[in-house]
Amino acid sequence: FTLLVDGYIVTFRLSGGADAAARERLNVELSRFKLRAKTPVNVVVVYDSAISPEVEAGAGPGGIWLRYTKQSLTADDEIRRLSAETDEQLAVVSSDRELREGSEQFGAIVIWSEALIAWIQGR
């Protein structure tokens, strides 16, 4: 299955900020999650960005995938688009109500950010 993570929401709730160090902490914790998962999982973290005019994707630590959206596209928009286009089992991690409801419409399981953070902190 694929785990889609609303990067800045989870980063802020995990670390109290969204700077580069906080993002790196989340990315490392998600690579540990991927490593410890009992079944194969694709982990994709989506961050809002203004880095380029297109969505940029690349490998992160431990085989997770990082996606940075263009300035006019939010992470929520990208997560909803990915939810609509995927045929595989999908779980979306966010505390954003609209994103959670939008992802559920496409058959995604939604997980509160706090649930993922509790797992990270309770290792």
N, C-alpha and C. Protein backbone atom coordinates (compact mmCIF):
# COMPACT_ATOMS: atom_id res chain seq x y z
N PHE A 1 0.85 -1.19 0.00
CA PHE A 1 0.00 0.00 0.00
C PHE A 1 0.88 1.23 0.00
N THR A 2 0.25 2.37 -0.20
CA THR A 2 0.95 3.64 -0.17
C THR A 2 0.45 4.48 0.99
N LEU A 3 1.39 5.06 1.71
CA LEU A 3 1.10 5.98 2.79
C LEU A 3 1.43 7.38 2.29
N LEU A 4 0.42 8.23 2.13
CA LEU A 4 0.60 9.62 1.71
C LEU A 4 0.54 10.51 2.95
N VAL A 5 1.58 11.30 3.15
CA VAL A 5 1.69 12.11 4.36
C VAL A 5 1.64 13.60 4.01
N ASP A 6 0.77 14.31 4.68
CA ASP A 6 0.67 15.77 4.56
C ASP A 6 1.86 16.35 5.33
N GLY A 7 2.94 16.60 4.62
CA GLY A 7 4.23 16.89 5.22
C GLY A 7 4.26 17.99 6.25
N TYR A 8 3.78 19.18 5.91
CA TYR A 8 3.92 20.28 6.86
C TYR A 8 2.99 20.15 8.05
N ILE A 9 1.82 19.62 7.87
CA ILE A 9 0.91 19.41 9.01
C ILE A 9 1.56 18.47 10.02
N VAL A 10 2.07 17.33 9.54
CA VAL A 10 2.66 16.35 10.44
C VAL A 10 3.97 16.89 11.02
N THR A 11 4.78 17.56 10.20
CA THR A 11 6.04 18.13 10.69
C THR A 11 5.78 19.12 11.82
N PHE A 12 4.83 20.01 11.63
CA PHE A 12 4.55 21.02 12.64
C PHE A 12 4.05 20.37 13.93
N ARG A 13 3.20 19.37 13.81
CA ARG A 13 2.67 18.73 15.01
C ARG A 13 3.72 17.86 15.71
N LEU A 14 4.66 17.34 14.96
CA LEU A 14 5.73 16.52 15.54
C LEU A 14 6.80 17.37 16.21
N SER A 15 7.19 18.46 15.54
CA SER A 15 8.35 19.24 16.01
C SER A 15 8.03 20.66 16.46
N GLY A 16 6.81 21.11 16.27
CA GLY A 16 6.45 22.46 16.66
C GLY A 16 6.90 23.52 15.67
N GLY A 17 7.40 23.11 14.52
CA GLY A 17 7.84 24.03 13.48
C GLY A 17 7.93 23.28 12.18
N ALA A 18 8.31 24.00 11.13
CA ALA A 18 8.37 23.36 9.81
C ALA A 18 9.65 23.73 9.08
N ASP A 19 10.72 23.98 9.83
CA ASP A 19 11.99 24.33 9.20
C ASP A 19 12.66 23.07 8.65
N ALA A 20 13.82 23.25 8.04
CA ALA A 20 14.52 22.12 7.40
C ALA A 20 14.83 21.00 8.38
N ALA A 21 15.23 21.34 9.60
CA ALA A 21 15.55 20.31 10.59
C ALA A 21 14.30 19.52 10.98
N ALA A 22 13.18 20.20 11.11
CA ALA A 22 11.92 19.52 11.44
C ALA A 22 11.47 18.60 10.31
N ARG A 23 11.62 19.07 9.06
CA ARG A 23 11.28 18.22 7.91
C ARG A 23 12.18 16.99 7.88
N GLU A 24 13.45 17.18 8.11
CA GLU A 24 14.39 16.05 8.10
C GLU A 24 14.04 15.05 9.19
N ARG A 25 13.64 15.54 10.36
CA ARG A 25 13.25 14.63 11.44
C ARG A 25 12.07 13.76 11.00
N LEU A 26 11.05 14.38 10.40
CA LEU A 26 9.90 13.60 9.94
C LEU A 26 10.34 12.60 8.88
N ASN A 27 11.15 13.02 7.93
CA ASN A 27 11.58 12.12 6.86
C ASN A 27 12.33 10.92 7.43
N VAL A 28 13.19 11.14 8.40
CA VAL A 28 13.94 10.03 9.02
C VAL A 28 12.98 9.11 9.78
N GLU A 29 12.05 9.68 10.51
CA GLU A 29 11.08 8.85 11.26
C GLU A 29 10.23 8.02 10.30
N LEU A 30 9.85 8.60 9.16
CA LEU A 30 9.05 7.84 8.19
C LEU A 30 9.88 6.75 7.52
N SER A 31 11.17 6.97 7.35
CA SER A 31 12.02 5.90 6.80
C SER A 31 12.09 4.74 7.80
N ARG A 32 12.11 5.04 9.09
CA ARG A 32 12.07 3.98 10.11
C ARG A 32 10.74 3.24 10.07
N PHE A 33 9.66 4.00 9.90
CA PHE A 33 8.33 3.38 9.77
C PHE A 33 8.32 2.40 8.61
N LYS A 34 8.84 2.82 7.47
CA LYS A 34 8.88 1.98 6.27
C LYS A 34 9.69 0.72 6.54
N LEU A 35 10.80 0.86 7.20
CA LEU A 35 11.68 -0.26 7.50
C LEU A 35 11.01 -1.26 8.44
N ARG A 36 10.25 -0.77 9.41
CA ARG A 36 9.63 -1.64 10.42
C ARG A 36 8.26 -2.18 10.02
N ALA A 37 7.71 -1.70 8.93
CA ALA A 37 6.37 -2.14 8.51
C ALA A 37 6.35 -3.64 8.24
N LYS A 38 5.28 -4.28 8.61
CA LYS A 38 5.15 -5.73 8.43
C LYS A 38 4.86 -6.12 6.99
N THR A 39 4.31 -5.18 6.21
CA THR A 39 4.06 -5.40 4.79
C THR A 39 4.75 -4.30 4.00
N PRO A 40 5.06 -4.54 2.75
CA PRO A 40 5.71 -3.50 1.95
C PRO A 40 4.83 -2.24 1.87
N VAL A 41 5.46 -1.10 2.05
CA VAL A 41 4.73 0.16 2.01
C VAL A 41 5.55 1.20 1.25
N ASN A 42 4.87 1.94 0.39
CA ASN A 42 5.46 3.10 -0.27
C ASN A 42 5.08 4.30 0.59
N VAL A 43 6.07 5.06 1.01
CA VAL A 43 5.81 6.25 1.82
C VAL A 43 6.10 7.47 0.94
N VAL A 44 5.09 8.33 0.81
CA VAL A 44 5.22 9.55 0.01
C VAL A 44 4.85 10.73 0.91
N VAL A 45 5.80 11.66 1.07
CA VAL A 45 5.57 12.86 1.87
C VAL A 45 5.41 14.03 0.90
N VAL A 46 4.31 14.76 1.04
CA VAL A 46 4.03 15.87 0.14
C VAL A 46 4.14 17.18 0.92
N TYR A 47 5.02 18.06 0.41
CA TYR A 47 5.24 19.37 1.02
C TYR A 47 4.81 20.47 0.05
N ASP A 48 4.24 21.56 0.60
CA ASP A 48 3.99 22.77 -0.18
C ASP A 48 5.35 23.40 -0.48
N SER A 49 5.50 23.93 -1.68
CA SER A 49 6.78 24.53 -2.04
C SER A 49 6.61 25.53 -3.15
N ALA A 50 7.63 26.32 -3.33
CA ALA A 50 7.68 27.24 -4.47
C ALA A 50 9.01 27.04 -5.18
N ILE A 51 9.56 25.84 -5.09
CA ILE A 51 10.88 25.55 -5.64
C ILE A 51 10.88 25.63 -7.16
N SER A 52 9.86 25.08 -7.80
CA SER A 52 9.86 25.05 -9.26
C SER A 52 8.42 25.19 -9.77
N PRO A 53 8.26 25.37 -11.07
CA PRO A 53 6.91 25.50 -11.62
C PRO A 53 6.16 24.17 -11.70
N GLU A 54 6.81 23.08 -11.46
CA GLU A 54 6.18 21.75 -11.53
C GLU A 54 6.33 21.03 -10.20
N VAL A 55 5.59 19.95 -10.02
CA VAL A 55 5.78 19.11 -8.85
C VAL A 55 7.11 18.39 -9.01
N GLU A 56 7.92 18.46 -7.99
CA GLU A 56 9.19 17.77 -8.02
C GLU A 56 9.13 16.59 -7.06
N ALA A 57 9.65 15.47 -7.49
CA ALA A 57 9.67 14.27 -6.66
C ALA A 57 11.08 13.70 -6.66
N GLY A 58 11.43 13.11 -5.55
CA GLY A 58 12.75 12.50 -5.47
C GLY A 58 12.82 11.59 -4.27
N ALA A 59 13.84 10.78 -4.26
CA ALA A 59 14.04 9.84 -3.16
C ALA A 59 14.50 10.58 -1.91
N GLY A 60 13.96 10.16 -0.79
CA GLY A 60 14.38 10.68 0.51
C GLY A 60 15.11 9.59 1.27
N PRO A 61 15.34 9.80 2.54
CA PRO A 61 16.07 8.80 3.32
C PRO A 61 15.31 7.48 3.41
N GLY A 62 16.03 6.40 3.37
CA GLY A 62 15.42 5.09 3.58
C GLY A 62 14.42 4.66 2.53
N GLY A 63 14.45 5.27 1.36
CA GLY A 63 13.56 4.85 0.29
C GLY A 63 12.18 5.48 0.32
N ILE A 64 11.98 6.50 1.16
CA ILE A 64 10.70 7.21 1.09
C ILE A 64 10.77 8.19 -0.08
N TRP A 65 9.61 8.67 -0.54
CA TRP A 65 9.56 9.62 -1.65
C TRP A 65 9.10 10.97 -1.14
N LEU A 66 9.75 12.01 -1.63
CA LEU A 66 9.40 13.37 -1.27
C LEU A 66 8.85 14.08 -2.49
N ARG A 67 7.73 14.78 -2.31
CA ARG A 67 7.14 15.54 -3.40
C ARG A 67 6.96 16.97 -2.92
N TYR A 68 7.43 17.92 -3.75
CA TYR A 68 7.30 19.34 -3.46
C TYR A 68 6.42 19.95 -4.54
N THR A 69 5.33 20.61 -4.12
CA THR A 69 4.38 21.15 -5.08
C THR A 69 4.84 22.50 -5.60
N LYS A 70 4.31 22.86 -6.75
CA LYS A 70 4.59 24.19 -7.28
C LYS A 70 3.82 25.24 -6.48
N GLN A 71 4.15 26.47 -6.67
CA GLN A 71 3.59 27.55 -5.87
C GLN A 71 2.06 27.61 -5.92
N SER A 72 1.47 27.39 -7.06
CA SER A 72 0.01 27.52 -7.17
C SER A 72 -0.74 26.25 -6.75
N LEU A 73 -0.03 25.21 -6.36
CA LEU A 73 -0.63 23.94 -5.98
C LEU A 73 -0.28 23.63 -4.54
N THR A 74 -1.28 23.34 -3.72
CA THR A 74 -1.00 23.01 -2.32
C THR A 74 -0.73 21.51 -2.18
N ALA A 75 -0.14 21.17 -1.06
CA ALA A 75 0.06 19.75 -0.75
C ALA A 75 -1.29 19.03 -0.71
N ASP A 76 -2.30 19.70 -0.18
CA ASP A 76 -3.64 19.10 -0.15
C ASP A 76 -4.13 18.77 -1.55
N ASP A 77 -3.93 19.70 -2.49
CA ASP A 77 -4.33 19.47 -3.88
C ASP A 77 -3.61 18.25 -4.45
N GLU A 78 -2.32 18.18 -4.20
CA GLU A 78 -1.52 17.07 -4.74
C GLU A 78 -1.93 15.74 -4.11
N ILE A 79 -2.19 15.74 -2.81
CA ILE A 79 -2.61 14.50 -2.15
C ILE A 79 -3.97 14.05 -2.68
N ARG A 80 -4.89 14.99 -2.87
CA ARG A 80 -6.20 14.62 -3.43
C ARG A 80 -6.04 14.07 -4.85
N ARG A 81 -5.18 14.70 -5.65
CA ARG A 81 -4.94 14.22 -7.02
C ARG A 81 -4.36 12.80 -6.99
N LEU A 82 -3.37 12.58 -6.16
CA LEU A 82 -2.77 11.24 -6.06
C LEU A 82 -3.79 10.22 -5.57
N SER A 83 -4.65 10.63 -4.63
CA SER A 83 -5.70 9.74 -4.12
C SER A 83 -6.66 9.33 -5.23
N ALA A 84 -6.99 10.28 -6.09
CA ALA A 84 -7.93 10.02 -7.18
C ALA A 84 -7.31 9.13 -8.25
N GLU A 85 -6.01 9.23 -8.46
CA GLU A 85 -5.37 8.54 -9.57
C GLU A 85 -4.81 7.16 -9.25
N THR A 86 -4.68 6.82 -7.98
CA THR A 86 -4.05 5.55 -7.65
C THR A 86 -5.06 4.41 -7.62
N ASP A 87 -4.59 3.25 -8.03
CA ASP A 87 -5.42 2.05 -7.98
C ASP A 87 -5.05 1.15 -6.81
N GLU A 88 -3.99 1.48 -6.10
CA GLU A 88 -3.55 0.64 -4.99
C GLU A 88 -4.15 1.12 -3.68
N GLN A 89 -4.02 0.29 -2.65
CA GLN A 89 -4.53 0.66 -1.35
C GLN A 89 -3.77 1.90 -0.87
N LEU A 90 -4.51 2.81 -0.27
CA LEU A 90 -3.94 4.10 0.08
C LEU A 90 -4.37 4.50 1.48
N ALA A 91 -3.41 5.02 2.25
CA ALA A 91 -3.70 5.63 3.54
C ALA A 91 -3.16 7.05 3.49
N VAL A 92 -3.95 8.00 3.94
CA VAL A 92 -3.56 9.41 3.95
C VAL A 92 -3.45 9.86 5.40
N VAL A 93 -2.32 10.49 5.72
CA VAL A 93 -2.09 11.00 7.07
C VAL A 93 -2.20 12.51 7.05
N SER A 94 -3.21 13.04 7.77
CA SER A 94 -3.39 14.48 7.89
C SER A 94 -4.40 14.75 8.98
N SER A 95 -4.35 15.94 9.52
CA SER A 95 -5.37 16.38 10.46
C SER A 95 -6.29 17.42 9.81
N ASP A 96 -6.08 17.68 8.55
CA ASP A 96 -6.89 18.63 7.80
C ASP A 96 -8.21 17.97 7.41
N ARG A 97 -9.31 18.49 7.92
CA ARG A 97 -10.63 17.87 7.71
C ARG A 97 -10.98 17.76 6.23
N GLU A 98 -10.80 18.84 5.47
CA GLU A 98 -11.17 18.82 4.05
C GLU A 98 -10.35 17.80 3.28
N LEU A 99 -9.07 17.71 3.58
CA LEU A 99 -8.21 16.73 2.91
C LEU A 99 -8.62 15.31 3.28
N ARG A 100 -8.91 15.09 4.54
CA ARG A 100 -9.33 13.76 4.99
C ARG A 100 -10.62 13.34 4.27
N GLU A 101 -11.61 14.22 4.25
CA GLU A 101 -12.88 13.91 3.60
C GLU A 101 -12.70 13.72 2.10
N GLY A 102 -11.89 14.58 1.47
CA GLY A 102 -11.65 14.46 0.04
C GLY A 102 -10.96 13.16 -0.33
N SER A 103 -10.02 12.73 0.49
CA SER A 103 -9.29 11.48 0.23
C SER A 103 -10.19 10.26 0.44
N GLU A 104 -11.05 10.34 1.44
CA GLU A 104 -11.99 9.23 1.69
C GLU A 104 -12.91 9.00 0.50
N GLN A 105 -13.27 10.07 -0.21
CA GLN A 105 -14.15 9.94 -1.38
C GLN A 105 -13.54 9.03 -2.44
N PHE A 106 -12.22 8.92 -2.46
CA PHE A 106 -11.53 8.09 -3.44
C PHE A 106 -11.12 6.73 -2.86
N GLY A 107 -11.65 6.41 -1.67
CA GLY A 107 -11.40 5.10 -1.09
C GLY A 107 -10.19 5.00 -0.19
N ALA A 108 -9.55 6.13 0.10
CA ALA A 108 -8.38 6.11 0.98
C ALA A 108 -8.80 5.92 2.42
N ILE A 109 -7.98 5.24 3.17
CA ILE A 109 -8.11 5.19 4.62
C ILE A 109 -7.43 6.45 5.12
N VAL A 110 -8.03 7.14 6.07
CA VAL A 110 -7.40 8.35 6.60
C VAL A 110 -6.96 8.12 8.03
N ILE A 111 -5.81 8.66 8.34
CA ILE A 111 -5.20 8.50 9.65
C ILE A 111 -4.88 9.89 10.19
N TRP A 112 -5.26 10.14 11.42
CA TRP A 112 -4.94 11.42 12.03
C TRP A 112 -3.44 11.56 12.18
N SER A 113 -2.92 12.76 11.99
CA SER A 113 -1.50 13.05 12.18
C SER A 113 -1.05 12.62 13.57
N GLU A 114 -1.89 12.86 14.55
CA GLU A 114 -1.55 12.53 15.93
C GLU A 114 -1.33 11.03 16.13
N ALA A 115 -2.04 10.20 15.37
CA ALA A 115 -1.85 8.75 15.48
C ALA A 115 -0.47 8.35 14.99
N LEU A 116 -0.03 8.92 13.88
CA LEU A 116 1.31 8.63 13.37
C LEU A 116 2.36 9.16 14.34
N ILE A 117 2.16 10.34 14.87
CA ILE A 117 3.11 10.92 15.82
C ILE A 117 3.18 10.08 17.09
N ALA A 118 2.06 9.57 17.56
CA ALA A 118 2.07 8.71 18.74
C ALA A 118 2.91 7.46 18.49
N TRP A 119 2.80 6.90 17.28
CA TRP A 119 3.64 5.73 16.94
C TRP A 119 5.11 6.13 16.95
N ILE A 120 5.44 7.27 16.34
CA ILE A 120 6.82 7.74 16.27
C ILE A 120 7.38 7.94 17.68
N GLN A 121 6.62 8.60 18.54
CA GLN A 121 7.11 8.92 19.88
C GLN A 121 7.09 7.73 20.82
N GLY A 122 6.27 6.72 20.50
CA GLY A 122 6.17 5.56 21.37
C GLY A 122 7.05 4.39 21.02
N ARG A 123 7.82 4.55 19.94
CA ARG A 123 8.69 3.46 19.49
C ARG A 123 9.15 2.71 20.66
